[in-house]
Structure formats: structure tokens, C-alpha cells
């Protein structure tokens, strides 16, 4: 099931919204309700909406993805969501929407517990 999300991310990186949405829809069919994998489908939705200049939906999808990641203590996913959004925004000239998204993601990421390596 993760192959669909991986392909959606690849197409988002390339700015190919039609293909990105196609794979998001395929992933959504099998990840809905699975908190571990739905994180990535929602994160890809945020990338799609970032690419299509839909700020409200972008922030909504990112919020849902990050909240699921935090709930499951998947802090690496929060960082990945932030990194993917930054890259997609940068290569596709979406700094206008990304500034709001980055502010949101940074606030969530900065509030995560510190992990101690002993």
C-alpha cells in the first residue's frame, strides 16, 4: 500500500498534479482508517493542495497528518512532512502558501518531546 503513497510523493516532487492525485486516490482507498499509513496519504494531499494553490485544504490535510503522526509517536513522519513540503514548495515556486504551512509545521515539530539517546 505504501507504493501508492511513494509514487504520489514522487509526482508531487515533480510538480505533476494529475498523477499525484491519481496515486493519492489509490492510496486513500486502502489507508483510510489505518492511522499508521493514513499519515502519508494525508501528507501527500497537503503536497497536492500546496501545488494547486489551495491553502486551506493544504493546511487541513497537513494538520490531520501531523496530528496522526504525533498520536502514534511517529516523530520522524512529522519531520518528513515538513521536509517534503519545503522541497515541493521550493522547486515549484509555492513560497506564498509554504510560509503558512512552514509556520504550522514548525510549531508542531518544535513542540515534540526531545528524544534522548543513552
N, C-alpha and C. Protein backbone atom coordinates (compact mmCIF):
# COMPACT_ATOMS: atom_id res chain seq x y z
N UNK A 1 0.81 -1.20 0.00
CA UNK A 1 0.00 0.00 0.00
C UNK A 1 0.85 1.26 0.00
N UNK A 2 2.06 1.17 0.56
CA UNK A 2 2.90 2.36 0.61
C UNK A 2 3.45 2.76 -0.75
N UNK A 3 3.45 1.84 -1.70
CA UNK A 3 3.95 2.19 -3.03
C UNK A 3 3.12 3.32 -3.63
N UNK A 4 1.81 3.31 -3.40
CA UNK A 4 0.97 4.38 -3.93
C UNK A 4 1.34 5.73 -3.32
N UNK A 5 1.58 5.73 -2.02
CA UNK A 5 1.99 6.98 -1.37
C UNK A 5 3.38 7.42 -1.84
N UNK A 6 4.27 6.46 -2.03
CA UNK A 6 5.60 6.82 -2.53
C UNK A 6 5.52 7.43 -3.92
N UNK A 7 4.69 6.85 -4.78
CA UNK A 7 4.52 7.39 -6.13
C UNK A 7 3.85 8.77 -6.10
N UNK A 8 2.89 8.95 -5.21
CA UNK A 8 2.25 10.26 -5.08
C UNK A 8 3.28 11.31 -4.68
N UNK A 9 4.17 10.95 -3.77
CA UNK A 9 5.22 11.88 -3.35
C UNK A 9 6.17 12.20 -4.50
N UNK A 10 6.54 11.19 -5.26
CA UNK A 10 7.43 11.40 -6.42
C UNK A 10 6.80 12.39 -7.39
N UNK A 11 5.52 12.19 -7.71
CA UNK A 11 4.86 13.09 -8.65
C UNK A 11 4.68 14.49 -8.06
N UNK A 12 4.50 14.59 -6.76
CA UNK A 12 4.45 15.91 -6.12
C UNK A 12 5.80 16.61 -6.26
N UNK A 13 6.87 15.86 -6.03
CA UNK A 13 8.22 16.42 -6.19
C UNK A 13 8.43 16.93 -7.61
N UNK A 14 7.82 16.25 -8.58
CA UNK A 14 7.98 16.64 -9.99
C UNK A 14 6.97 17.70 -10.42
N UNK A 15 6.04 18.04 -9.52
CA UNK A 15 5.03 19.04 -9.85
C UNK A 15 3.94 18.52 -10.78
N UNK A 16 3.80 17.21 -10.87
CA UNK A 16 2.82 16.59 -11.76
C UNK A 16 1.55 16.27 -10.97
N UNK A 17 0.66 17.26 -10.91
CA UNK A 17 -0.50 17.18 -10.03
C UNK A 17 -1.49 16.09 -10.43
N UNK A 18 -1.70 15.88 -11.71
CA UNK A 18 -2.67 14.87 -12.14
C UNK A 18 -2.25 13.48 -11.65
N UNK A 19 -1.00 13.13 -11.86
CA UNK A 19 -0.51 11.82 -11.43
C UNK A 19 -0.44 11.74 -9.90
N UNK A 20 -0.06 12.83 -9.27
CA UNK A 20 -0.02 12.87 -7.81
C UNK A 20 -1.40 12.54 -7.24
N UNK A 21 -2.42 13.21 -7.75
CA UNK A 21 -3.78 12.98 -7.26
C UNK A 21 -4.25 11.56 -7.55
N UNK A 22 -3.87 11.03 -8.70
CA UNK A 22 -4.25 9.66 -9.05
C UNK A 22 -3.75 8.67 -8.00
N UNK A 23 -2.50 8.82 -7.58
CA UNK A 23 -1.94 7.89 -6.60
C UNK A 23 -2.43 8.19 -5.18
N UNK A 24 -2.74 9.43 -4.89
CA UNK A 24 -3.36 9.74 -3.59
C UNK A 24 -4.70 9.02 -3.49
N UNK A 25 -5.48 9.08 -4.55
CA UNK A 25 -6.79 8.41 -4.54
C UNK A 25 -6.65 6.91 -4.37
N UNK A 26 -5.68 6.30 -5.04
CA UNK A 26 -5.45 4.86 -4.88
C UNK A 26 -5.02 4.53 -3.45
N UNK A 27 -4.12 5.33 -2.90
CA UNK A 27 -3.65 5.10 -1.53
C UNK A 27 -4.78 5.30 -0.53
N UNK A 28 -5.59 6.31 -0.76
CA UNK A 28 -6.67 6.63 0.17
C UNK A 28 -7.65 5.47 0.33
N UNK A 29 -7.89 4.77 -0.75
CA UNK A 29 -8.82 3.63 -0.70
C UNK A 29 -8.37 2.57 0.29
N UNK A 30 -7.06 2.40 0.45
CA UNK A 30 -6.58 1.31 1.31
C UNK A 30 -5.92 1.79 2.61
N UNK A 31 -5.73 3.08 2.76
CA UNK A 31 -5.12 3.56 4.01
C UNK A 31 -6.12 4.23 4.94
N UNK A 32 -7.29 4.56 4.44
CA UNK A 32 -8.29 5.25 5.27
C UNK A 32 -8.60 4.41 6.51
N UNK A 33 -8.45 5.02 7.66
CA UNK A 33 -8.72 4.33 8.91
C UNK A 33 -7.51 3.64 9.51
N UNK A 34 -6.43 3.51 8.74
CA UNK A 34 -5.20 2.93 9.25
C UNK A 34 -4.29 4.08 9.66
N UNK A 35 -4.26 4.36 10.94
CA UNK A 35 -3.58 5.56 11.43
C UNK A 35 -2.10 5.61 11.06
N UNK A 36 -1.46 4.47 10.96
CA UNK A 36 -0.03 4.45 10.63
C UNK A 36 0.22 4.89 9.18
N UNK A 37 -0.59 4.39 8.26
CA UNK A 37 -0.35 4.67 6.84
C UNK A 37 -1.13 5.88 6.32
N UNK A 38 -2.22 6.20 6.97
CA UNK A 38 -3.01 7.35 6.52
C UNK A 38 -2.23 8.66 6.69
N UNK A 39 -1.27 8.67 7.58
CA UNK A 39 -0.40 9.85 7.76
C UNK A 39 0.15 10.29 6.42
N UNK A 40 0.67 9.32 5.66
CA UNK A 40 1.37 9.64 4.41
C UNK A 40 0.40 10.02 3.30
N UNK A 41 -0.78 9.44 3.31
CA UNK A 41 -1.79 9.83 2.32
C UNK A 41 -2.20 11.28 2.58
N UNK A 42 -2.44 11.62 3.83
CA UNK A 42 -2.80 12.99 4.17
C UNK A 42 -1.66 13.96 3.89
N UNK A 43 -0.43 13.54 4.15
CA UNK A 43 0.72 14.39 3.85
C UNK A 43 0.82 14.65 2.35
N UNK A 44 0.55 13.62 1.56
CA UNK A 44 0.57 13.80 0.10
C UNK A 44 -0.57 14.70 -0.36
N UNK A 45 -1.71 14.60 0.30
CA UNK A 45 -2.81 15.53 -0.01
C UNK A 45 -2.35 16.97 0.24
N UNK A 46 -1.65 17.18 1.33
CA UNK A 46 -1.14 18.53 1.63
C UNK A 46 -0.21 19.00 0.52
N UNK A 47 0.65 18.11 0.03
CA UNK A 47 1.54 18.48 -1.07
C UNK A 47 0.75 18.81 -2.33
N UNK A 48 -0.26 18.01 -2.61
CA UNK A 48 -1.11 18.25 -3.78
C UNK A 48 -1.78 19.63 -3.69
N UNK A 49 -2.34 19.93 -2.53
CA UNK A 49 -3.01 21.22 -2.36
C UNK A 49 -2.02 22.38 -2.36
N UNK A 50 -0.82 22.12 -1.89
CA UNK A 50 0.24 23.13 -1.99
C UNK A 50 0.51 23.45 -3.46
N UNK A 51 0.60 22.39 -4.27
CA UNK A 51 0.88 22.57 -5.70
C UNK A 51 -0.26 23.26 -6.44
N UNK A 52 -1.49 23.04 -5.98
CA UNK A 52 -2.66 23.59 -6.68
C UNK A 52 -3.17 24.87 -6.03
N UNK A 53 -2.35 25.45 -5.16
CA UNK A 53 -2.65 26.75 -4.54
C UNK A 53 -3.92 26.78 -3.70
N UNK A 54 -4.21 25.68 -3.02
CA UNK A 54 -5.38 25.64 -2.14
C UNK A 54 -4.88 25.62 -0.69
N UNK A 55 -4.62 26.81 -0.18
CA UNK A 55 -4.01 26.95 1.14
C UNK A 55 -4.82 26.31 2.25
N UNK A 56 -6.13 26.53 2.27
CA UNK A 56 -6.95 26.00 3.36
C UNK A 56 -6.92 24.47 3.40
N UNK A 57 -7.08 23.84 2.24
CA UNK A 57 -7.05 22.37 2.20
C UNK A 57 -5.65 21.85 2.48
N UNK A 58 -4.64 22.58 2.04
CA UNK A 58 -3.25 22.19 2.32
C UNK A 58 -3.01 22.15 3.82
N UNK A 59 -3.39 23.21 4.50
CA UNK A 59 -3.19 23.28 5.95
C UNK A 59 -4.04 22.24 6.69
N UNK A 60 -5.25 21.99 6.20
CA UNK A 60 -6.13 21.00 6.83
C UNK A 60 -5.53 19.59 6.72
N UNK A 61 -5.09 19.23 5.52
CA UNK A 61 -4.50 17.90 5.33
C UNK A 61 -3.21 17.74 6.12
N UNK A 62 -2.38 18.78 6.12
CA UNK A 62 -1.13 18.73 6.89
C UNK A 62 -1.42 18.58 8.38
N UNK A 63 -2.41 19.31 8.86
CA UNK A 63 -2.78 19.23 10.27
C UNK A 63 -3.24 17.83 10.64
N UNK A 64 -4.08 17.24 9.81
CA UNK A 64 -4.55 15.87 10.08
C UNK A 64 -3.38 14.88 10.08
N UNK A 65 -2.47 15.02 9.11
CA UNK A 65 -1.32 14.12 9.02
C UNK A 65 -0.43 14.24 10.25
N UNK A 66 -0.12 15.47 10.62
CA UNK A 66 0.76 15.71 11.77
C UNK A 66 0.11 15.23 13.06
N UNK A 67 -1.17 15.47 13.22
CA UNK A 67 -1.85 15.02 14.44
C UNK A 67 -1.85 13.50 14.55
N UNK A 68 -2.05 12.80 13.43
CA UNK A 68 -1.97 11.33 13.45
C UNK A 68 -0.55 10.88 13.79
N UNK A 69 0.44 11.54 13.22
CA UNK A 69 1.83 11.17 13.49
C UNK A 69 2.17 11.37 14.96
N UNK A 70 1.76 12.49 15.52
CA UNK A 70 2.03 12.75 16.93
C UNK A 70 1.29 11.76 17.82
N UNK A 71 0.04 11.47 17.47
CA UNK A 71 -0.74 10.50 18.24
C UNK A 71 -0.03 9.14 18.27
N UNK A 72 0.56 8.74 17.15
CA UNK A 72 1.26 7.47 17.08
C UNK A 72 2.73 7.56 17.45
N UNK A 73 3.15 8.72 17.96
CA UNK A 73 4.54 8.99 18.34
C UNK A 73 5.51 8.74 17.18
N UNK A 74 5.05 9.04 15.97
CA UNK A 74 5.88 8.89 14.78
C UNK A 74 6.48 10.26 14.45
N UNK A 75 7.45 10.65 15.24
CA UNK A 75 8.01 11.99 15.12
C UNK A 75 8.85 12.15 13.85
N UNK A 76 9.39 11.05 13.37
CA UNK A 76 10.12 11.11 12.11
C UNK A 76 9.19 11.51 10.97
N UNK A 77 7.94 11.05 11.02
CA UNK A 77 6.96 11.41 9.99
C UNK A 77 6.70 12.91 10.00
N UNK A 78 6.67 13.52 11.18
CA UNK A 78 6.45 14.97 11.26
C UNK A 78 7.59 15.69 10.55
N UNK A 79 8.81 15.26 10.79
CA UNK A 79 9.96 15.87 10.11
C UNK A 79 9.89 15.63 8.61
N UNK A 80 9.49 14.42 8.21
CA UNK A 80 9.39 14.10 6.79
C UNK A 80 8.34 14.97 6.10
N UNK A 81 7.21 15.17 6.75
CA UNK A 81 6.15 16.02 6.19
C UNK A 81 6.69 17.43 5.97
N UNK A 82 7.40 17.93 6.96
CA UNK A 82 7.99 19.27 6.87
C UNK A 82 9.01 19.34 5.73
N UNK A 83 9.90 18.36 5.66
CA UNK A 83 10.93 18.35 4.62
C UNK A 83 10.33 18.23 3.22
N UNK A 84 9.36 17.34 3.06
CA UNK A 84 8.72 17.17 1.74
C UNK A 84 8.03 18.45 1.30
N UNK A 85 7.31 19.08 2.21
CA UNK A 85 6.59 20.31 1.87
C UNK A 85 7.58 21.41 1.49
N UNK A 86 8.68 21.49 2.22
CA UNK A 86 9.68 22.51 1.92
C UNK A 86 10.27 22.29 0.53
N UNK A 87 10.60 21.06 0.20
CA UNK A 87 11.18 20.76 -1.11
C UNK A 87 10.20 21.04 -2.24
N UNK A 88 8.98 20.56 -2.11
CA UNK A 88 7.96 20.76 -3.15
C UNK A 88 7.68 22.24 -3.35
N UNK A 89 7.58 22.97 -2.27
CA UNK A 89 7.33 24.42 -2.37
C UNK A 89 8.49 25.12 -3.07
N UNK A 90 9.69 24.73 -2.72
CA UNK A 90 10.87 25.39 -3.28
C UNK A 90 10.99 25.15 -4.78
N UNK A 91 10.87 23.91 -5.22
CA UNK A 91 11.08 23.63 -6.64
C UNK A 91 9.89 24.02 -7.51
N UNK A 92 8.75 24.26 -6.89
CA UNK A 92 7.55 24.62 -7.65
C UNK A 92 7.09 26.05 -7.38
N UNK A 93 7.95 26.85 -6.76
CA UNK A 93 7.66 28.27 -6.52
C UNK A 93 6.33 28.50 -5.80
N UNK A 94 6.15 27.83 -4.68
CA UNK A 94 4.93 27.98 -3.88
C UNK A 94 5.24 28.58 -2.51
N UNK A 95 6.16 29.50 -2.48
CA UNK A 95 6.58 30.10 -1.21
C UNK A 95 5.44 30.80 -0.49
N UNK A 96 4.48 31.32 -1.25
CA UNK A 96 3.35 32.03 -0.64
C UNK A 96 2.56 31.13 0.29
N UNK A 97 2.19 29.96 -0.18
CA UNK A 97 1.44 29.02 0.65
C UNK A 97 2.37 28.35 1.66
N UNK A 98 3.60 28.07 1.24
CA UNK A 98 4.51 27.35 2.11
C UNK A 98 4.83 28.11 3.39
N UNK A 99 4.87 29.42 3.35
CA UNK A 99 5.21 30.17 4.56
C UNK A 99 4.21 29.88 5.68
N UNK A 100 2.92 29.81 5.34
CA UNK A 100 1.91 29.48 6.35
C UNK A 100 2.04 28.02 6.79
N UNK A 101 2.30 27.15 5.84
CA UNK A 101 2.46 25.73 6.15
C UNK A 101 3.69 25.51 7.02
N UNK A 102 4.79 26.16 6.68
CA UNK A 102 6.02 26.02 7.46
C UNK A 102 5.82 26.51 8.89
N UNK A 103 5.13 27.61 9.04
CA UNK A 103 4.86 28.12 10.39
C UNK A 103 4.10 27.09 11.21
N UNK A 104 3.07 26.49 10.60
CA UNK A 104 2.28 25.46 11.29
C UNK A 104 3.15 24.25 11.61
N UNK A 105 3.87 23.72 10.61
CA UNK A 105 4.67 22.52 10.81
C UNK A 105 5.79 22.74 11.81
N UNK A 106 6.41 23.90 11.76
CA UNK A 106 7.48 24.20 12.72
C UNK A 106 6.96 24.25 14.14
N UNK A 107 5.78 24.82 14.33
CA UNK A 107 5.21 24.89 15.67
C UNK A 107 4.93 23.49 16.20
N UNK A 108 4.45 22.61 15.34
CA UNK A 108 4.19 21.23 15.76
C UNK A 108 5.50 20.50 16.04
N UNK A 109 6.45 20.64 15.13
CA UNK A 109 7.72 19.94 15.27
C UNK A 109 8.48 20.41 16.50
N UNK A 110 8.49 21.70 16.74
CA UNK A 110 9.22 22.25 17.89
C UNK A 110 8.58 21.89 19.22
N UNK A 111 7.33 21.45 19.21
CA UNK A 111 6.67 21.07 20.46
C UNK A 111 6.80 19.58 20.76
N UNK A 112 7.49 18.84 19.90
CA UNK A 112 7.66 17.41 20.13
C UNK A 112 8.62 17.17 21.30
N UNK A 113 8.43 16.05 21.99
CA UNK A 113 9.36 15.74 23.08
C UNK A 113 10.76 15.48 22.53
N UNK A 114 11.75 15.83 23.31
CA UNK A 114 13.13 15.57 22.94
C UNK A 114 13.43 14.10 23.19
N UNK A 115 14.06 13.47 22.22
CA UNK A 115 14.40 12.06 22.36
C UNK A 115 15.85 11.97 22.83
N UNK A 116 16.04 11.29 23.93
CA UNK A 116 17.37 11.14 24.50
C UNK A 116 17.98 9.83 24.02
N UNK A 117 19.22 9.88 23.57
CA UNK A 117 19.93 8.67 23.14
C UNK A 117 20.96 8.33 24.22
N UNK A 118 20.73 7.23 24.92
CA UNK A 118 21.65 6.83 26.00
C UNK A 118 22.39 5.59 25.62
